[in-house]
N, C-alpha and C. Protein backbone atom coordinates (compact mmCIF):
# COMPACT_ATOMS: atom_id res chain seq x y z
N MET A 1 -45.81 215.25 57.53
CA MET A 1 -46.10 214.01 56.84
C MET A 1 -44.82 213.19 56.75
N PRO A 2 -44.82 211.93 57.19
CA PRO A 2 -43.61 211.09 57.10
C PRO A 2 -43.17 210.90 55.65
N SER A 3 -41.87 210.67 55.50
CA SER A 3 -41.33 210.45 54.16
C SER A 3 -40.26 209.36 54.22
N LEU A 4 -39.88 208.86 53.05
CA LEU A 4 -38.83 207.87 52.94
C LEU A 4 -37.63 208.49 52.25
N GLU A 5 -36.44 208.29 52.84
CA GLU A 5 -35.19 208.79 52.27
C GLU A 5 -34.34 207.58 51.87
N LEU A 6 -33.91 207.53 50.60
CA LEU A 6 -33.09 206.42 50.14
C LEU A 6 -31.79 206.39 50.93
N PHE A 7 -31.50 205.26 51.57
CA PHE A 7 -30.26 205.10 52.31
C PHE A 7 -29.20 204.40 51.46
N CYS A 8 -29.54 203.25 50.87
CA CYS A 8 -28.56 202.56 50.03
C CYS A 8 -29.27 201.60 49.09
N THR A 9 -28.53 201.17 48.08
CA THR A 9 -28.99 200.15 47.15
C THR A 9 -28.05 198.96 47.26
N ILE A 10 -28.62 197.78 47.44
CA ILE A 10 -27.85 196.55 47.60
C ILE A 10 -28.05 195.69 46.37
N GLU A 11 -26.95 195.18 45.85
CA GLU A 11 -26.98 194.19 44.78
C GLU A 11 -26.17 193.00 45.25
N ALA A 12 -26.78 191.80 45.23
CA ALA A 12 -26.12 190.65 45.80
C ALA A 12 -26.44 189.37 45.03
N GLU A 13 -25.58 188.39 45.24
CA GLU A 13 -25.80 187.03 44.75
C GLU A 13 -26.34 186.22 45.92
N MET A 14 -27.34 185.37 45.65
CA MET A 14 -27.94 184.55 46.70
C MET A 14 -27.63 183.07 46.50
N GLY A 15 -27.40 182.40 47.61
CA GLY A 15 -27.32 180.94 47.60
C GLY A 15 -28.63 180.39 48.11
N ARG A 16 -28.68 179.08 48.31
CA ARG A 16 -29.90 178.47 48.84
C ARG A 16 -29.52 177.24 49.65
N ARG A 17 -30.06 177.17 50.86
CA ARG A 17 -29.83 176.04 51.76
C ARG A 17 -31.20 175.60 52.28
N ILE A 18 -31.67 174.44 51.84
CA ILE A 18 -32.99 173.95 52.25
C ILE A 18 -32.87 173.28 53.61
N VAL A 19 -33.60 173.81 54.58
CA VAL A 19 -33.62 173.23 55.92
C VAL A 19 -34.67 172.12 55.97
N GLY A 20 -35.83 172.34 55.34
CA GLY A 20 -36.86 171.31 55.25
C GLY A 20 -38.19 171.76 55.81
N ASP A 21 -39.13 170.81 55.82
CA ASP A 21 -40.47 171.08 56.35
C ASP A 21 -40.40 171.24 57.86
N THR A 22 -40.98 172.32 58.34
CA THR A 22 -41.06 172.58 59.78
C THR A 22 -42.53 172.77 60.12
N PRO A 23 -42.88 172.81 61.40
CA PRO A 23 -44.28 173.05 61.76
C PRO A 23 -44.82 174.37 61.18
N ALA A 24 -43.95 175.36 60.97
CA ALA A 24 -44.39 176.66 60.45
C ALA A 24 -44.44 176.70 58.92
N GLY A 25 -43.83 175.72 58.26
CA GLY A 25 -43.76 175.71 56.80
C GLY A 25 -42.38 175.30 56.34
N MET A 26 -42.16 175.27 55.04
CA MET A 26 -40.86 174.92 54.47
C MET A 26 -39.84 176.00 54.79
N ARG A 27 -38.74 175.63 55.41
CA ARG A 27 -37.68 176.58 55.79
C ARG A 27 -36.54 176.49 54.79
N ILE A 28 -36.19 177.65 54.23
CA ILE A 28 -35.07 177.76 53.29
C ILE A 28 -34.24 178.96 53.71
N ASP A 29 -32.93 178.76 53.85
CA ASP A 29 -32.03 179.88 54.15
C ASP A 29 -31.40 180.36 52.85
N PHE A 30 -31.39 181.69 52.67
CA PHE A 30 -30.77 182.29 51.49
C PHE A 30 -29.59 183.15 51.92
N PRO A 31 -28.37 182.59 51.98
CA PRO A 31 -27.21 183.44 52.26
C PRO A 31 -26.97 184.34 51.05
N PHE A 32 -26.51 185.57 51.32
CA PHE A 32 -26.25 186.49 50.21
C PHE A 32 -24.99 187.30 50.47
N GLU A 33 -24.33 187.68 49.38
CA GLU A 33 -23.14 188.54 49.42
C GLU A 33 -23.19 189.45 48.21
N GLY A 34 -22.75 190.69 48.42
CA GLY A 34 -22.72 191.63 47.31
C GLY A 34 -22.14 192.95 47.75
N THR A 35 -22.69 194.03 47.18
CA THR A 35 -22.19 195.37 47.48
C THR A 35 -23.36 196.34 47.67
N ALA A 36 -23.06 197.43 48.37
CA ALA A 36 -24.04 198.49 48.58
C ALA A 36 -23.44 199.82 48.14
N THR A 37 -24.27 200.63 47.52
CA THR A 37 -23.89 201.99 47.17
C THR A 37 -24.82 202.94 47.91
N SER A 38 -24.30 204.15 48.20
CA SER A 38 -25.10 205.12 48.94
C SER A 38 -24.50 206.51 48.78
N GLU A 39 -25.34 207.51 48.95
CA GLU A 39 -24.85 208.89 49.00
C GLU A 39 -24.17 209.17 50.33
N HIS A 40 -24.29 208.25 51.30
CA HIS A 40 -23.71 208.45 52.63
C HIS A 40 -22.24 208.02 52.70
N TRP A 41 -21.70 207.43 51.63
CA TRP A 41 -20.29 207.06 51.57
C TRP A 41 -19.85 207.01 50.11
N GLU A 42 -18.53 206.96 49.93
CA GLU A 42 -17.98 206.87 48.57
C GLU A 42 -17.71 205.42 48.21
N GLY A 43 -17.95 205.08 46.98
CA GLY A 43 -17.63 203.75 46.48
C GLY A 43 -18.60 202.67 46.93
N LEU A 44 -18.14 201.43 46.79
CA LEU A 44 -18.93 200.26 47.14
C LEU A 44 -18.55 199.77 48.53
N ARG A 45 -19.52 199.27 49.26
CA ARG A 45 -19.26 198.61 50.55
C ARG A 45 -19.78 197.18 50.46
N PRO A 46 -19.03 196.23 51.04
CA PRO A 46 -19.49 194.84 50.98
C PRO A 46 -20.74 194.62 51.83
N VAL A 47 -21.56 193.70 51.39
CA VAL A 47 -22.78 193.31 52.09
C VAL A 47 -22.76 191.79 52.23
N SER A 48 -23.13 191.29 53.40
CA SER A 48 -23.30 189.85 53.56
C SER A 48 -24.36 189.59 54.60
N GLY A 49 -25.04 188.46 54.45
CA GLY A 49 -26.06 188.12 55.42
C GLY A 49 -26.79 186.85 55.03
N VAL A 50 -27.83 186.57 55.81
CA VAL A 50 -28.68 185.42 55.55
C VAL A 50 -30.13 185.85 55.73
N ASP A 51 -30.96 185.41 54.80
CA ASP A 51 -32.40 185.59 54.92
C ASP A 51 -32.98 184.22 55.26
N PHE A 52 -33.48 184.09 56.51
CA PHE A 52 -34.08 182.84 56.97
C PHE A 52 -35.55 182.89 56.56
N VAL A 53 -35.92 182.12 55.57
CA VAL A 53 -37.24 182.20 54.93
C VAL A 53 -38.11 181.02 55.34
N THR A 54 -39.37 181.31 55.59
CA THR A 54 -40.38 180.26 55.76
C THR A 54 -41.39 180.41 54.63
N LEU A 55 -41.50 179.38 53.83
CA LEU A 55 -42.45 179.38 52.72
C LEU A 55 -43.84 179.11 53.29
N ARG A 56 -44.75 180.05 53.06
CA ARG A 56 -46.09 179.97 53.61
C ARG A 56 -47.00 179.12 52.73
N SER A 57 -48.15 178.76 53.26
CA SER A 57 -49.11 177.93 52.51
C SER A 57 -49.67 178.65 51.29
N ASP A 58 -49.62 180.00 51.28
CA ASP A 58 -50.11 180.76 50.12
C ASP A 58 -49.05 180.94 49.04
N GLY A 59 -47.86 180.35 49.25
CA GLY A 59 -46.78 180.44 48.26
C GLY A 59 -45.85 181.61 48.46
N ASN A 60 -46.19 182.56 49.32
CA ASN A 60 -45.31 183.68 49.62
C ASN A 60 -44.37 183.30 50.76
N MET A 61 -43.42 184.18 51.10
CA MET A 61 -42.39 183.85 52.06
C MET A 61 -42.33 184.86 53.21
N ASP A 62 -42.28 184.35 54.45
CA ASP A 62 -41.98 185.19 55.61
C ASP A 62 -40.47 185.32 55.70
N LEU A 63 -39.98 186.54 55.96
CA LEU A 63 -38.55 186.83 55.96
C LEU A 63 -38.04 187.16 57.36
N ASP A 64 -36.83 186.71 57.65
CA ASP A 64 -36.10 187.04 58.88
C ASP A 64 -34.65 187.25 58.45
N ILE A 65 -34.24 188.51 58.30
CA ILE A 65 -32.97 188.86 57.67
C ILE A 65 -31.98 189.37 58.71
N HIS A 66 -30.73 188.87 58.64
CA HIS A 66 -29.63 189.33 59.48
C HIS A 66 -28.47 189.63 58.54
N ALA A 67 -27.99 190.88 58.53
CA ALA A 67 -26.96 191.22 57.55
C ALA A 67 -26.09 192.38 58.04
N THR A 68 -24.98 192.59 57.31
CA THR A 68 -24.09 193.73 57.56
C THR A 68 -23.74 194.39 56.25
N VAL A 69 -23.53 195.70 56.34
CA VAL A 69 -23.02 196.50 55.23
C VAL A 69 -21.72 197.12 55.71
N GLY A 70 -20.66 197.02 54.93
CA GLY A 70 -19.38 197.61 55.29
C GLY A 70 -18.49 196.62 56.03
N GLU A 71 -17.32 197.12 56.45
CA GLU A 71 -16.38 196.29 57.18
C GLU A 71 -15.67 197.13 58.24
N LYS A 72 -15.10 196.45 59.20
CA LYS A 72 -14.37 197.07 60.31
C LYS A 72 -15.22 198.15 60.97
N ARG A 73 -14.66 199.33 61.18
CA ARG A 73 -15.37 200.41 61.86
C ARG A 73 -16.50 201.02 61.02
N GLU A 74 -16.54 200.66 59.76
CA GLU A 74 -17.57 201.19 58.85
C GLU A 74 -18.83 200.31 58.83
N THR A 75 -18.87 199.25 59.62
CA THR A 75 -19.96 198.27 59.54
C THR A 75 -21.27 198.80 60.11
N VAL A 76 -22.34 198.53 59.37
CA VAL A 76 -23.70 198.75 59.83
C VAL A 76 -24.39 197.39 59.80
N GLY A 77 -24.86 196.94 60.96
CA GLY A 77 -25.63 195.72 61.02
C GLY A 77 -27.10 196.06 60.87
N TYR A 78 -27.84 195.18 60.24
CA TYR A 78 -29.28 195.40 60.21
C TYR A 78 -30.01 194.07 60.33
N ARG A 79 -31.20 194.19 60.88
CA ARG A 79 -32.09 193.04 61.02
C ARG A 79 -33.42 193.44 60.43
N GLY A 80 -34.01 192.52 59.68
CA GLY A 80 -35.27 192.82 59.03
C GLY A 80 -36.26 191.69 59.13
N THR A 81 -37.49 192.06 58.98
CA THR A 81 -38.57 191.10 58.90
C THR A 81 -39.51 191.58 57.80
N GLY A 82 -40.27 190.67 57.25
CA GLY A 82 -41.19 191.09 56.20
C GLY A 82 -41.76 189.91 55.47
N VAL A 83 -42.21 190.20 54.27
CA VAL A 83 -42.81 189.19 53.41
C VAL A 83 -42.27 189.38 52.00
N SER A 84 -42.11 188.29 51.30
CA SER A 84 -41.69 188.34 49.90
C SER A 84 -42.81 187.74 49.07
N ILE A 85 -43.30 188.53 48.14
CA ILE A 85 -44.40 188.11 47.27
C ILE A 85 -43.80 187.38 46.07
N VAL A 86 -44.20 186.13 45.88
CA VAL A 86 -43.66 185.30 44.82
C VAL A 86 -44.56 185.36 43.59
N SER A 87 -43.95 185.65 42.44
CA SER A 87 -44.68 185.71 41.17
C SER A 87 -44.72 184.33 40.52
N PRO A 88 -45.67 184.12 39.60
CA PRO A 88 -45.74 182.83 38.90
C PRO A 88 -44.44 182.46 38.16
N ASP A 89 -43.65 183.47 37.76
CA ASP A 89 -42.39 183.19 37.04
C ASP A 89 -41.25 182.80 38.00
N GLY A 90 -41.53 182.76 39.31
CA GLY A 90 -40.51 182.37 40.29
C GLY A 90 -39.74 183.53 40.90
N SER A 91 -39.91 184.74 40.37
CA SER A 91 -39.24 185.89 40.97
C SER A 91 -39.98 186.27 42.25
N ALA A 92 -39.31 187.04 43.10
CA ALA A 92 -39.91 187.43 44.37
C ALA A 92 -39.66 188.90 44.62
N GLU A 93 -40.61 189.54 45.31
CA GLU A 93 -40.50 190.96 45.64
C GLU A 93 -40.55 191.12 47.16
N PRO A 94 -39.37 191.24 47.78
CA PRO A 94 -39.35 191.40 49.24
C PRO A 94 -39.80 192.78 49.67
N HIS A 95 -40.58 192.80 50.76
CA HIS A 95 -41.02 194.03 51.44
C HIS A 95 -40.57 193.86 52.88
N GLU A 96 -39.69 194.75 53.37
CA GLU A 96 -39.02 194.53 54.64
C GLU A 96 -39.12 195.74 55.57
N LEU A 97 -39.15 195.47 56.87
CA LEU A 97 -39.04 196.47 57.92
C LEU A 97 -37.72 196.22 58.62
N LEU A 98 -36.87 197.27 58.77
CA LEU A 98 -35.50 197.11 59.24
C LEU A 98 -35.19 197.94 60.48
N THR A 99 -34.27 197.42 61.31
CA THR A 99 -33.62 198.20 62.36
C THR A 99 -32.12 198.07 62.15
N PHE A 100 -31.37 199.05 62.66
CA PHE A 100 -29.94 199.14 62.40
C PHE A 100 -29.14 199.19 63.70
N GLN A 101 -27.87 198.75 63.62
CA GLN A 101 -26.92 198.91 64.71
C GLN A 101 -25.56 199.22 64.10
N THR A 102 -24.90 200.28 64.63
CA THR A 102 -23.56 200.61 64.17
C THR A 102 -22.81 201.38 65.24
N GLY A 103 -21.50 201.23 65.23
CA GLY A 103 -20.63 202.02 66.08
C GLY A 103 -19.95 203.14 65.29
N ASN A 104 -20.24 203.21 64.00
CA ASN A 104 -19.67 204.22 63.12
C ASN A 104 -20.25 205.59 63.49
N GLU A 105 -19.39 206.53 63.84
CA GLU A 105 -19.85 207.85 64.28
C GLU A 105 -20.63 208.58 63.21
N ASP A 106 -20.21 208.46 61.95
CA ASP A 106 -20.90 209.17 60.87
C ASP A 106 -22.30 208.62 60.59
N LEU A 107 -22.52 207.35 60.93
CA LEU A 107 -23.82 206.73 60.66
C LEU A 107 -24.57 206.36 61.93
N ALA A 108 -24.10 206.84 63.08
CA ALA A 108 -24.72 206.49 64.37
C ALA A 108 -26.19 206.90 64.43
N TRP A 109 -26.60 207.88 63.67
CA TRP A 109 -28.00 208.29 63.64
C TRP A 109 -28.92 207.13 63.25
N LEU A 110 -28.39 206.13 62.51
CA LEU A 110 -29.19 204.97 62.12
C LEU A 110 -29.67 204.16 63.32
N ASN A 111 -28.92 204.21 64.45
CA ASN A 111 -29.28 203.43 65.62
C ASN A 111 -30.66 203.80 66.17
N ASN A 112 -31.17 204.96 65.82
CA ASN A 112 -32.45 205.44 66.32
C ASN A 112 -33.52 205.52 65.25
N GLU A 113 -33.28 204.88 64.12
CA GLU A 113 -34.20 204.96 62.99
C GLU A 113 -34.74 203.58 62.63
N ILE A 114 -35.82 203.57 61.87
CA ILE A 114 -36.29 202.34 61.24
C ILE A 114 -36.20 202.52 59.74
N GLY A 115 -36.10 201.41 59.06
CA GLY A 115 -36.02 201.47 57.62
C GLY A 115 -37.03 200.54 56.99
N VAL A 116 -37.27 200.77 55.73
CA VAL A 116 -38.07 199.85 54.92
C VAL A 116 -37.28 199.56 53.66
N ALA A 117 -37.48 198.38 53.13
CA ALA A 117 -36.75 198.00 51.92
C ALA A 117 -37.70 197.29 50.96
N PHE A 118 -37.47 197.52 49.69
CA PHE A 118 -38.25 196.90 48.62
C PHE A 118 -37.26 196.40 47.59
N GLY A 119 -37.51 195.23 47.05
CA GLY A 119 -36.55 194.70 46.10
C GLY A 119 -37.12 193.67 45.17
N ARG A 120 -36.18 192.96 44.55
CA ARG A 120 -36.53 191.90 43.60
C ARG A 120 -35.44 190.83 43.66
N GLY A 121 -35.89 189.60 43.77
CA GLY A 121 -34.98 188.46 43.72
C GLY A 121 -35.36 187.57 42.57
N GLU A 122 -34.33 187.17 41.80
CA GLU A 122 -34.61 186.36 40.62
C GLU A 122 -33.33 185.68 40.16
N ALA A 123 -33.40 184.38 39.91
CA ALA A 123 -32.29 183.61 39.36
C ALA A 123 -31.00 183.82 40.17
N GLY A 124 -31.10 183.79 41.49
CA GLY A 124 -29.92 183.91 42.34
C GLY A 124 -29.38 185.31 42.51
N LYS A 125 -30.09 186.31 42.01
CA LYS A 125 -29.65 187.70 42.14
C LYS A 125 -30.69 188.48 42.95
N LEU A 126 -30.20 189.40 43.77
CA LEU A 126 -31.06 190.19 44.64
C LEU A 126 -30.70 191.67 44.49
N THR A 127 -31.70 192.51 44.30
CA THR A 127 -31.53 193.96 44.29
C THR A 127 -32.53 194.53 45.28
N VAL A 128 -32.03 195.34 46.23
CA VAL A 128 -32.89 195.90 47.27
C VAL A 128 -32.56 197.38 47.46
N GLU A 129 -33.58 198.21 47.52
CA GLU A 129 -33.41 199.61 47.89
C GLU A 129 -33.85 199.78 49.33
N VAL A 130 -32.94 200.31 50.16
CA VAL A 130 -33.20 200.49 51.59
C VAL A 130 -33.49 201.97 51.84
N TYR A 131 -34.61 202.24 52.50
CA TYR A 131 -35.02 203.60 52.82
C TYR A 131 -35.07 203.77 54.33
N VAL A 132 -34.83 205.00 54.79
CA VAL A 132 -35.02 205.36 56.18
C VAL A 132 -36.31 206.15 56.27
N ALA A 133 -37.16 205.80 57.24
CA ALA A 133 -38.42 206.52 57.45
C ALA A 133 -38.15 207.77 58.25
N ARG A 134 -38.55 208.90 57.73
CA ARG A 134 -38.34 210.19 58.40
C ARG A 134 -39.68 210.76 58.83
N PRO A 135 -39.77 211.26 60.09
CA PRO A 135 -41.04 211.85 60.56
C PRO A 135 -41.39 213.14 59.83
């Protein structure tokens, strides 16, 4: 039976850059920066990226995420897609499917895995738990 293994927890501050109405819907970019903690390393690692969001007609958001965790040889890049469910209070709950890329020998196993992430965004703050799907 497949299972999910917690890989890291991300806490970040989000900005907002409105691109405007597009044929697919309202486009808003959310750049973010923060830190990640994990049992796979000691201490905090920096996180930065952009979530390219399209606001759908139902009020929820399609996500296209490009980000990195760590720096120099410790960097793990990830790309995600998903949907963020928007609550009436303006908070959002992202649900993401992720792939990873890294040259870090200790984390190279991520290159062959997929991940899922669940989180909460509210008032410019983002918290996301990233899991690796295990067969």
